[in-house]
N, C-alpha and C. Protein backbone atom coordinates (compact mmCIF):
# COMPACT_ATOMS: atom_id res chain seq x y z
N MET A 1 -16.01 -24.75 28.49
CA MET A 1 -17.02 -23.71 28.44
C MET A 1 -18.39 -24.30 28.18
N ARG A 2 -18.43 -25.27 27.25
CA ARG A 2 -19.70 -25.89 26.89
C ARG A 2 -20.28 -26.66 28.08
N SER A 3 -19.44 -27.36 28.84
CA SER A 3 -19.93 -28.11 29.98
C SER A 3 -20.42 -27.18 31.10
N LEU A 4 -19.78 -26.04 31.25
CA LEU A 4 -20.23 -25.06 32.24
C LEU A 4 -21.62 -24.54 31.87
N LEU A 5 -21.82 -24.23 30.60
CA LEU A 5 -23.11 -23.76 30.12
C LEU A 5 -24.19 -24.82 30.33
N LEU A 6 -23.88 -26.07 30.03
CA LEU A 6 -24.84 -27.15 30.23
C LEU A 6 -25.17 -27.33 31.71
N THR A 7 -24.17 -27.20 32.57
CA THR A 7 -24.39 -27.33 34.01
C THR A 7 -25.31 -26.23 34.52
N VAL A 8 -25.09 -25.01 34.08
CA VAL A 8 -25.94 -23.88 34.49
C VAL A 8 -27.37 -24.08 33.99
N MET A 9 -27.51 -24.50 32.73
CA MET A 9 -28.85 -24.72 32.18
C MET A 9 -29.58 -25.84 32.93
N LEU A 10 -28.88 -26.89 33.31
CA LEU A 10 -29.48 -27.99 34.06
C LEU A 10 -29.91 -27.52 35.45
N ALA A 11 -29.08 -26.72 36.10
CA ALA A 11 -29.42 -26.21 37.43
C ALA A 11 -30.68 -25.34 37.37
N VAL A 12 -30.78 -24.48 36.36
CA VAL A 12 -31.96 -23.62 36.21
C VAL A 12 -33.20 -24.46 35.94
N ALA A 13 -33.08 -25.47 35.10
CA ALA A 13 -34.20 -26.35 34.79
C ALA A 13 -34.67 -27.11 36.03
N LEU A 14 -33.75 -27.59 36.84
CA LEU A 14 -34.11 -28.31 38.05
C LEU A 14 -34.80 -27.40 39.05
N GLN A 15 -34.34 -26.16 39.18
CA GLN A 15 -34.97 -25.22 40.09
C GLN A 15 -36.39 -24.92 39.66
N SER A 16 -36.61 -24.68 38.37
CA SER A 16 -37.95 -24.34 37.91
C SER A 16 -38.88 -25.53 38.02
N SER A 17 -38.41 -26.75 37.77
CA SER A 17 -39.27 -27.92 37.91
C SER A 17 -39.59 -28.19 39.37
N ALA A 18 -38.63 -27.93 40.27
CA ALA A 18 -38.89 -28.10 41.69
C ALA A 18 -39.91 -27.07 42.18
N ALA A 19 -39.84 -25.86 41.67
CA ALA A 19 -40.80 -24.83 42.06
C ALA A 19 -42.20 -25.19 41.59
N LEU A 20 -42.31 -25.77 40.39
CA LEU A 20 -43.62 -26.18 39.89
C LEU A 20 -44.17 -27.34 40.70
N ALA A 21 -43.31 -28.27 41.06
CA ALA A 21 -43.75 -29.43 41.82
C ALA A 21 -44.12 -29.05 43.25
N ALA A 22 -43.55 -27.99 43.79
CA ALA A 22 -43.80 -27.59 45.16
C ALA A 22 -45.05 -26.74 45.33
N ALA A 23 -45.75 -26.42 44.25
CA ALA A 23 -46.95 -25.60 44.34
C ALA A 23 -48.03 -26.34 45.12
N PRO A 24 -48.66 -25.67 46.08
CA PRO A 24 -49.73 -26.32 46.85
C PRO A 24 -50.91 -26.68 45.96
N PRO A 25 -51.71 -27.67 46.36
CA PRO A 25 -52.84 -28.08 45.53
C PRO A 25 -53.83 -26.96 45.24
N CYS A 26 -54.04 -26.05 46.14
CA CYS A 26 -55.02 -24.98 45.96
C CYS A 26 -54.36 -23.63 45.67
N ALA A 27 -53.17 -23.63 45.07
CA ALA A 27 -52.41 -22.39 44.84
C ALA A 27 -53.16 -21.42 43.95
N THR A 28 -53.79 -21.89 42.89
CA THR A 28 -54.52 -21.00 41.97
C THR A 28 -55.68 -20.33 42.68
N ASP A 29 -56.46 -21.12 43.41
CA ASP A 29 -57.59 -20.56 44.15
C ASP A 29 -57.10 -19.62 45.25
N ALA A 30 -55.99 -19.96 45.91
CA ALA A 30 -55.46 -19.10 46.97
C ALA A 30 -55.04 -17.74 46.41
N GLY A 31 -54.47 -17.72 45.22
CA GLY A 31 -54.10 -16.45 44.60
C GLY A 31 -55.31 -15.57 44.33
N LYS A 32 -56.37 -16.17 43.80
CA LYS A 32 -57.60 -15.42 43.53
C LYS A 32 -58.23 -14.89 44.81
N GLN A 33 -58.33 -15.76 45.82
CA GLN A 33 -58.94 -15.36 47.08
C GLN A 33 -58.11 -14.31 47.81
N ALA A 34 -56.78 -14.41 47.72
CA ALA A 34 -55.91 -13.42 48.37
C ALA A 34 -56.08 -12.05 47.73
N LEU A 35 -56.22 -12.01 46.41
CA LEU A 35 -56.43 -10.73 45.73
C LEU A 35 -57.77 -10.13 46.14
N LYS A 36 -58.81 -10.95 46.26
CA LYS A 36 -60.12 -10.47 46.73
C LYS A 36 -60.00 -9.90 48.15
N LEU A 37 -59.29 -10.63 49.01
CA LEU A 37 -59.12 -10.20 50.40
C LEU A 37 -58.36 -8.89 50.48
N LEU A 38 -57.32 -8.76 49.68
CA LEU A 38 -56.52 -7.53 49.68
C LEU A 38 -57.34 -6.34 49.18
N ARG A 39 -58.12 -6.55 48.14
CA ARG A 39 -58.99 -5.47 47.63
C ARG A 39 -60.07 -5.10 48.64
N PHE A 40 -60.64 -6.10 49.31
CA PHE A 40 -61.64 -5.82 50.35
C PHE A 40 -61.01 -5.01 51.48
N HIS A 41 -59.81 -5.39 51.87
CA HIS A 41 -59.10 -4.72 52.96
C HIS A 41 -58.78 -3.26 52.61
N SER A 42 -58.60 -2.98 51.32
CA SER A 42 -58.21 -1.63 50.89
C SER A 42 -59.38 -0.86 50.27
N ASP A 43 -60.61 -1.28 50.56
CA ASP A 43 -61.82 -0.62 50.03
C ASP A 43 -61.82 -0.58 48.51
N GLY A 44 -61.39 -1.66 47.87
CA GLY A 44 -61.47 -1.78 46.41
C GLY A 44 -60.37 -1.08 45.64
N ASP A 45 -59.25 -0.78 46.26
CA ASP A 45 -58.13 -0.13 45.56
C ASP A 45 -57.64 -1.03 44.43
N ASP A 46 -57.64 -0.51 43.19
CA ASP A 46 -57.27 -1.34 42.05
C ASP A 46 -55.76 -1.50 41.89
N ARG A 47 -54.96 -0.91 42.78
CA ARG A 47 -53.50 -1.09 42.74
C ARG A 47 -53.06 -2.33 43.51
N ALA A 48 -54.01 -3.07 44.07
CA ALA A 48 -53.68 -4.28 44.83
C ALA A 48 -53.16 -5.36 43.89
N THR A 49 -52.03 -5.94 44.26
CA THR A 49 -51.44 -7.03 43.47
C THR A 49 -50.94 -8.12 44.41
N ILE A 50 -50.84 -9.33 43.88
CA ILE A 50 -50.26 -10.42 44.64
C ILE A 50 -49.04 -10.94 43.90
N ASP A 51 -48.14 -11.55 44.63
CA ASP A 51 -46.93 -12.13 44.06
C ASP A 51 -47.20 -13.62 43.83
N ALA A 52 -47.45 -13.99 42.57
CA ALA A 52 -47.78 -15.39 42.26
C ALA A 52 -46.64 -16.33 42.61
N ALA A 53 -45.41 -15.85 42.54
CA ALA A 53 -44.27 -16.70 42.89
C ALA A 53 -44.15 -16.88 44.40
N GLY A 54 -44.82 -16.02 45.16
CA GLY A 54 -44.73 -16.08 46.61
C GLY A 54 -45.81 -16.92 47.27
N ILE A 55 -46.55 -17.71 46.51
CA ILE A 55 -47.60 -18.57 47.07
C ILE A 55 -46.95 -19.86 47.53
N LYS A 56 -47.10 -20.16 48.83
CA LYS A 56 -46.48 -21.38 49.35
C LYS A 56 -47.30 -21.95 50.50
N GLN A 57 -47.24 -23.25 50.64
CA GLN A 57 -47.91 -23.89 51.76
C GLN A 57 -46.95 -23.86 52.94
N ILE A 58 -47.44 -23.35 54.07
CA ILE A 58 -46.54 -23.21 55.22
C ILE A 58 -46.82 -24.23 56.32
N GLY A 59 -47.83 -25.06 56.12
CA GLY A 59 -48.09 -26.08 57.12
C GLY A 59 -49.56 -26.43 57.19
N THR A 60 -49.93 -27.05 58.30
CA THR A 60 -51.32 -27.44 58.52
C THR A 60 -51.72 -27.03 59.93
N VAL A 61 -53.04 -26.95 60.13
CA VAL A 61 -53.58 -26.70 61.47
C VAL A 61 -54.68 -27.71 61.72
N ALA A 62 -54.90 -28.02 62.98
CA ALA A 62 -55.95 -28.96 63.36
C ALA A 62 -57.30 -28.27 63.34
N SER A 63 -58.34 -29.02 63.01
CA SER A 63 -59.68 -28.46 63.03
C SER A 63 -60.14 -28.31 64.48
N LEU A 64 -61.09 -27.43 64.69
CA LEU A 64 -61.62 -27.23 66.04
C LEU A 64 -62.51 -28.38 66.48
N VAL A 65 -63.15 -29.03 65.50
CA VAL A 65 -64.03 -30.16 65.78
C VAL A 65 -63.53 -31.36 65.00
N GLY A 66 -63.38 -32.49 65.65
CA GLY A 66 -62.92 -33.69 64.96
C GLY A 66 -61.41 -33.77 64.91
N ASN A 67 -60.92 -34.66 64.06
CA ASN A 67 -59.47 -34.85 63.98
C ASN A 67 -58.94 -34.57 62.59
N ARG A 68 -59.57 -33.72 61.83
CA ARG A 68 -59.13 -33.37 60.48
C ARG A 68 -58.04 -32.31 60.53
N ARG A 69 -57.35 -32.12 59.38
CA ARG A 69 -56.30 -31.11 59.25
C ARG A 69 -56.67 -30.14 58.13
N PHE A 70 -56.25 -28.89 58.26
CA PHE A 70 -56.44 -27.87 57.23
C PHE A 70 -55.09 -27.43 56.71
N ASP A 71 -54.98 -27.19 55.40
CA ASP A 71 -53.76 -26.68 54.80
C ASP A 71 -53.72 -25.16 54.94
N VAL A 72 -52.56 -24.62 55.28
CA VAL A 72 -52.38 -23.17 55.39
C VAL A 72 -51.47 -22.72 54.24
N ILE A 73 -51.99 -21.84 53.40
CA ILE A 73 -51.25 -21.32 52.25
C ILE A 73 -51.00 -19.84 52.47
N GLU A 74 -49.75 -19.43 52.30
CA GLU A 74 -49.37 -18.03 52.50
C GLU A 74 -49.14 -17.35 51.15
N VAL A 75 -49.66 -16.12 51.03
CA VAL A 75 -49.55 -15.34 49.80
C VAL A 75 -49.05 -13.95 50.16
N GLU A 76 -48.07 -13.46 49.40
CA GLU A 76 -47.56 -12.11 49.58
C GLU A 76 -48.29 -11.17 48.62
N GLY A 77 -48.56 -9.95 49.07
CA GLY A 77 -49.23 -8.98 48.21
C GLY A 77 -48.83 -7.56 48.57
N SER A 78 -49.27 -6.62 47.74
CA SER A 78 -48.95 -5.22 48.01
C SER A 78 -50.04 -4.31 47.44
N ILE A 79 -50.12 -3.13 48.05
CA ILE A 79 -50.98 -2.05 47.56
C ILE A 79 -50.12 -0.80 47.61
N TYR A 80 -49.80 -0.25 46.46
CA TYR A 80 -48.94 0.92 46.34
C TYR A 80 -47.64 0.67 47.09
N LYS A 81 -47.45 1.28 48.27
CA LYS A 81 -46.21 1.07 49.03
C LYS A 81 -46.39 0.11 50.20
N GLY A 82 -47.59 -0.37 50.44
CA GLY A 82 -47.84 -1.28 51.55
C GLY A 82 -47.63 -2.72 51.17
N GLU A 83 -46.97 -3.47 52.04
CA GLU A 83 -46.72 -4.89 51.82
C GLU A 83 -47.59 -5.69 52.78
N TYR A 84 -48.18 -6.78 52.29
CA TYR A 84 -49.10 -7.58 53.09
C TYR A 84 -48.76 -9.06 52.97
N ARG A 85 -49.08 -9.79 54.05
CA ARG A 85 -48.96 -11.25 54.07
C ARG A 85 -50.34 -11.80 54.41
N MET A 86 -50.83 -12.68 53.56
CA MET A 86 -52.14 -13.28 53.78
C MET A 86 -51.99 -14.78 53.97
N ARG A 87 -52.76 -15.32 54.87
CA ARG A 87 -52.78 -16.76 55.09
C ARG A 87 -54.20 -17.25 54.86
N LEU A 88 -54.32 -18.23 53.98
CA LEU A 88 -55.62 -18.80 53.64
C LEU A 88 -55.65 -20.24 54.11
N ILE A 89 -56.72 -20.63 54.75
CA ILE A 89 -56.84 -21.95 55.36
C ILE A 89 -57.86 -22.77 54.57
N TYR A 90 -57.41 -23.89 54.02
CA TYR A 90 -58.24 -24.73 53.17
C TYR A 90 -58.47 -26.10 53.80
N ALA A 91 -59.71 -26.60 53.65
CA ALA A 91 -60.04 -27.96 54.09
C ALA A 91 -59.45 -28.94 53.08
N ARG A 92 -58.95 -30.06 53.58
CA ARG A 92 -58.42 -31.11 52.71
C ARG A 92 -59.57 -31.97 52.21
N MET A 93 -60.02 -31.68 51.00
CA MET A 93 -61.09 -32.46 50.39
C MET A 93 -60.63 -32.84 48.99
N SER A 94 -60.82 -34.10 48.62
CA SER A 94 -60.34 -34.55 47.32
C SER A 94 -61.07 -33.86 46.18
N GLY A 95 -60.29 -33.28 45.28
CA GLY A 95 -60.85 -32.67 44.08
C GLY A 95 -61.42 -31.28 44.23
N SER A 96 -61.37 -30.69 45.41
CA SER A 96 -61.90 -29.33 45.56
C SER A 96 -61.11 -28.55 46.60
N CYS A 97 -61.21 -27.23 46.49
CA CYS A 97 -60.54 -26.33 47.43
C CYS A 97 -61.62 -25.58 48.20
N VAL A 98 -61.77 -25.91 49.47
CA VAL A 98 -62.79 -25.30 50.30
C VAL A 98 -62.11 -24.33 51.27
N LEU A 99 -62.31 -23.03 51.05
CA LEU A 99 -61.72 -22.00 51.90
C LEU A 99 -62.46 -21.96 53.23
N MET A 100 -61.72 -22.14 54.32
CA MET A 100 -62.32 -22.18 55.65
C MET A 100 -61.99 -20.95 56.49
N GLY A 101 -60.90 -20.25 56.15
CA GLY A 101 -60.53 -19.08 56.93
C GLY A 101 -59.46 -18.29 56.22
N GLN A 102 -59.32 -17.03 56.63
CA GLN A 102 -58.30 -16.17 56.02
C GLN A 102 -57.88 -15.10 57.02
N GLU A 103 -56.63 -14.68 56.88
CA GLU A 103 -56.11 -13.60 57.72
C GLU A 103 -55.15 -12.76 56.90
N ILE A 104 -55.05 -11.49 57.27
CA ILE A 104 -54.19 -10.57 56.53
C ILE A 104 -53.40 -9.74 57.54
N PHE A 105 -52.11 -9.59 57.25
CA PHE A 105 -51.23 -8.80 58.11
C PHE A 105 -50.48 -7.79 57.25
N GLU A 106 -50.37 -6.58 57.75
CA GLU A 106 -49.56 -5.59 57.04
C GLU A 106 -48.14 -5.70 57.54
N ARG A 107 -47.19 -5.71 56.59
CA ARG A 107 -45.77 -5.77 56.95
C ARG A 107 -45.26 -4.33 57.10
N SER A 108 -45.24 -3.89 58.31
CA SER A 108 -44.74 -2.53 58.55
C SER A 108 -44.15 -2.48 59.95
N ASP A 109 -43.38 -1.46 60.18
CA ASP A 109 -42.77 -1.24 61.48
C ASP A 109 -43.42 0.01 62.08
N PRO A 110 -44.28 -0.16 63.06
CA PRO A 110 -44.97 1.01 63.63
C PRO A 110 -44.07 1.87 64.51
N TYR A 111 -42.83 1.43 64.73
CA TYR A 111 -41.95 2.17 65.64
C TYR A 111 -40.96 2.94 64.85
């Protein structure tokens, strides 16, 4: 019984440390900017929230000029009953998070 408990505790600890290590470099800024974007999209509705656990880097995109890459960070959010997915595009610059673009999609089925 004791070894089972230790195994479960170790598994939980490894999952939480992996989640912390997997956080994108600009995750904190992305959360703030996503909340601003969601509030702007909803004309300042104060019920807008973001899911801090749902912030993840989904890849990179090439710049339009030159050969640089931009990081794409995805954030989940909601307003009352509406669910939204936001993608924030950051320039790779050492020591700073430079927001270069943003997009927002409502998760709904229009049919």
